[in-house]
C-alpha atoms as a PDB file:
ATOM      1  CA  UNK A   1      12.181 -15.803  -0.425  1.00  0.00           C
ATOM      2  CA  UNK A   2       8.802 -14.505   0.685  1.00  0.00           C
ATOM      3  CA  UNK A   3       7.178 -11.108   0.624  1.00  0.00           C
ATOM      4  CA  UNK A   4       3.990  -9.684   2.036  1.00  0.00           C
ATOM      5  CA  UNK A   5       1.382  -8.520  -0.450  1.00  0.00           C
ATOM      6  CA  UNK A   6      -0.032  -5.120   0.463  1.00  0.00           C
ATOM      7  CA  UNK A   7      -2.444  -3.068  -1.639  1.00  0.00           C
ATOM      8  CA  UNK A   8      -0.999   0.427  -2.126  1.00  0.00           C
ATOM      9  CA  UNK A   9      -2.892   3.558  -1.114  1.00  0.00           C
ATOM     10  CA  UNK A  10      -5.553   4.796  -3.525  1.00  0.00           C
ATOM     11  CA  UNK A  11      -3.486   7.911  -4.233  1.00  0.00           C
ATOM     12  CA  UNK A  12      -0.147   6.092  -4.725  1.00  0.00           C
ATOM     13  CA  UNK A  13       1.855   7.754  -7.491  1.00  0.00           C
ATOM     14  CA  UNK A  14       3.993   6.306 -10.269  1.00  0.00           C
ATOM     15  CA  UNK A  15       7.725   6.180  -9.468  1.00  0.00           C
ATOM     16  CA  UNK A  16       8.469   7.501 -12.963  1.00  0.00           C
ATOM     17  CA  UNK A  17       5.823  10.015 -14.069  1.00  0.00           C
ATOM     18  CA  UNK A  18       4.001  10.824 -10.823  1.00  0.00           C
ATOM     19  CA  UNK A  19       0.519   9.886 -12.103  1.00  0.00           C
ATOM     20  CA  UNK A  20      -1.859   8.067  -9.780  1.00  0.00           C
ATOM     21  CA  UNK A  21      -1.261   4.375 -10.478  1.00  0.00           C
ATOM     22  CA  UNK A  22      -4.871   3.233 -10.142  1.00  0.00           C
ATOM     23  CA  UNK A  23      -5.955   5.489 -12.998  1.00  0.00           C
ATOM     24  CA  UNK A  24      -3.990   3.168 -15.309  1.00  0.00           C
ATOM     25  CA  UNK A  25      -2.706  -0.429 -15.395  1.00  0.00           C
ATOM     26  CA  UNK A  26      -0.394  -0.502 -12.334  1.00  0.00           C
ATOM     27  CA  UNK A  27       2.773  -2.567 -11.972  1.00  0.00           C
ATOM     28  CA  UNK A  28       4.555  -3.271  -8.678  1.00  0.00           C
ATOM     29  CA  UNK A  29       8.234  -4.265  -8.584  1.00  0.00           C
ATOM     30  CA  UNK A  30      10.729  -5.079  -5.838  1.00  0.00           C
ATOM     31  CA  UNK A  31      14.496  -5.498  -5.883  1.00  0.00           C
ATOM     32  CA  UNK A  32      14.784  -8.969  -4.405  1.00  0.00           C
ATOM     33  CA  UNK A  33      18.526  -9.057  -5.008  1.00  0.00           C
ATOM     34  CA  UNK A  34      18.692  -6.417  -2.300  1.00  0.00           C
ATOM     35  CA  UNK A  35      16.581  -8.030   0.477  1.00  0.00           C
ATOM     36  CA  UNK A  36      13.180  -7.464  -1.232  1.00  0.00           C
ATOM     37  CA  UNK A  37      12.956  -3.880  -0.033  1.00  0.00           C
ATOM     38  CA  UNK A  38      10.020  -1.539  -0.425  1.00  0.00           C
ATOM     39  CA  UNK A  39       8.016  -1.914  -3.624  1.00  0.00           C
ATOM     40  CA  UNK A  40       8.104   0.654  -6.409  1.00  0.00           C
ATOM     41  CA  UNK A  41       4.850   1.322  -8.238  1.00  0.00           C
ATOM     42  CA  UNK A  42       4.499   2.286 -11.888  1.00  0.00           C
ATOM     43  CA  UNK A  43       1.255   3.302 -13.593  1.00  0.00           C
ATOM     44  CA  UNK A  44       1.956   0.998 -16.568  1.00  0.00           C
ATOM     45  CA  UNK A  45       4.644  -1.064 -18.278  1.00  0.00           C
ATOM     46  CA  UNK A  46       5.726   1.890 -20.448  1.00  0.00           C
ATOM     47  CA  UNK A  47       6.784   3.913 -17.392  1.00  0.00           C
ATOM     48  CA  UNK A  48       8.528   0.860 -15.929  1.00  0.00           C
ATOM     49  CA  UNK A  49      10.381   0.264 -19.207  1.00  0.00           C
ATOM     50  CA  UNK A  50      11.543   3.882 -19.491  1.00  0.00           C
ATOM     51  CA  UNK A  51      12.615   3.874 -15.826  1.00  0.00           C
ATOM     52  CA  UNK A  52      14.680   0.714 -16.423  1.00  0.00           C
ATOM     53  CA  UNK A  53      16.327   2.203 -19.532  1.00  0.00           C
ATOM     54  CA  UNK A  54      17.071   5.622 -17.997  1.00  0.00           C
ATOM     55  CA  UNK A  55      18.601   4.061 -14.876  1.00  0.00           C
ATOM     56  CA  UNK A  56      20.559   1.462 -16.884  1.00  0.00           C
ATOM     57  CA  UNK A  57      19.121  -1.342 -14.754  1.00  0.00           C
ATOM     58  CA  UNK A  58      19.717  -3.988 -17.410  1.00  0.00           C
ATOM     59  CA  UNK A  59      23.507  -3.609 -17.490  1.00  0.00           C
ATOM     60  CA  UNK A  60      25.038  -6.962 -16.595  1.00  0.00           C
ATOM     61  CA  UNK A  61      21.690  -8.765 -16.409  1.00  0.00           C
ATOM     62  CA  UNK A  62      20.238 -11.432 -18.671  1.00  0.00           C
ATOM     63  CA  UNK A  63      17.784  -9.167 -20.472  1.00  0.00           C
ATOM     64  CA  UNK A  64      19.222  -9.952 -23.886  1.00  0.00           C
ATOM     65  CA  UNK A  65      19.616 -13.426 -25.269  1.00  0.00           C
ATOM     66  CA  UNK A  66      22.056 -14.172 -28.066  1.00  0.00           C
ATOM     67  CA  UNK A  67      21.651 -17.468 -29.890  1.00  0.00           C
ATOM     68  CA  UNK A  68      24.991 -19.156 -30.546  1.00  0.00           C
END
């Protein structure tokens, strides 16, 4: 699986809060289970985390480990 690395525009906004990403600590994510589509940009990990929680993107994934 390969992707092309492209620097986003200087005025790219956060997918969650709408702030300019380069005014913060930007994070880029792709859904590579769905053909590595267009990237989504978040201004920081907090916005990414809230976006994941609000959209229930962890349901059915291995984001929680239970020791047996």
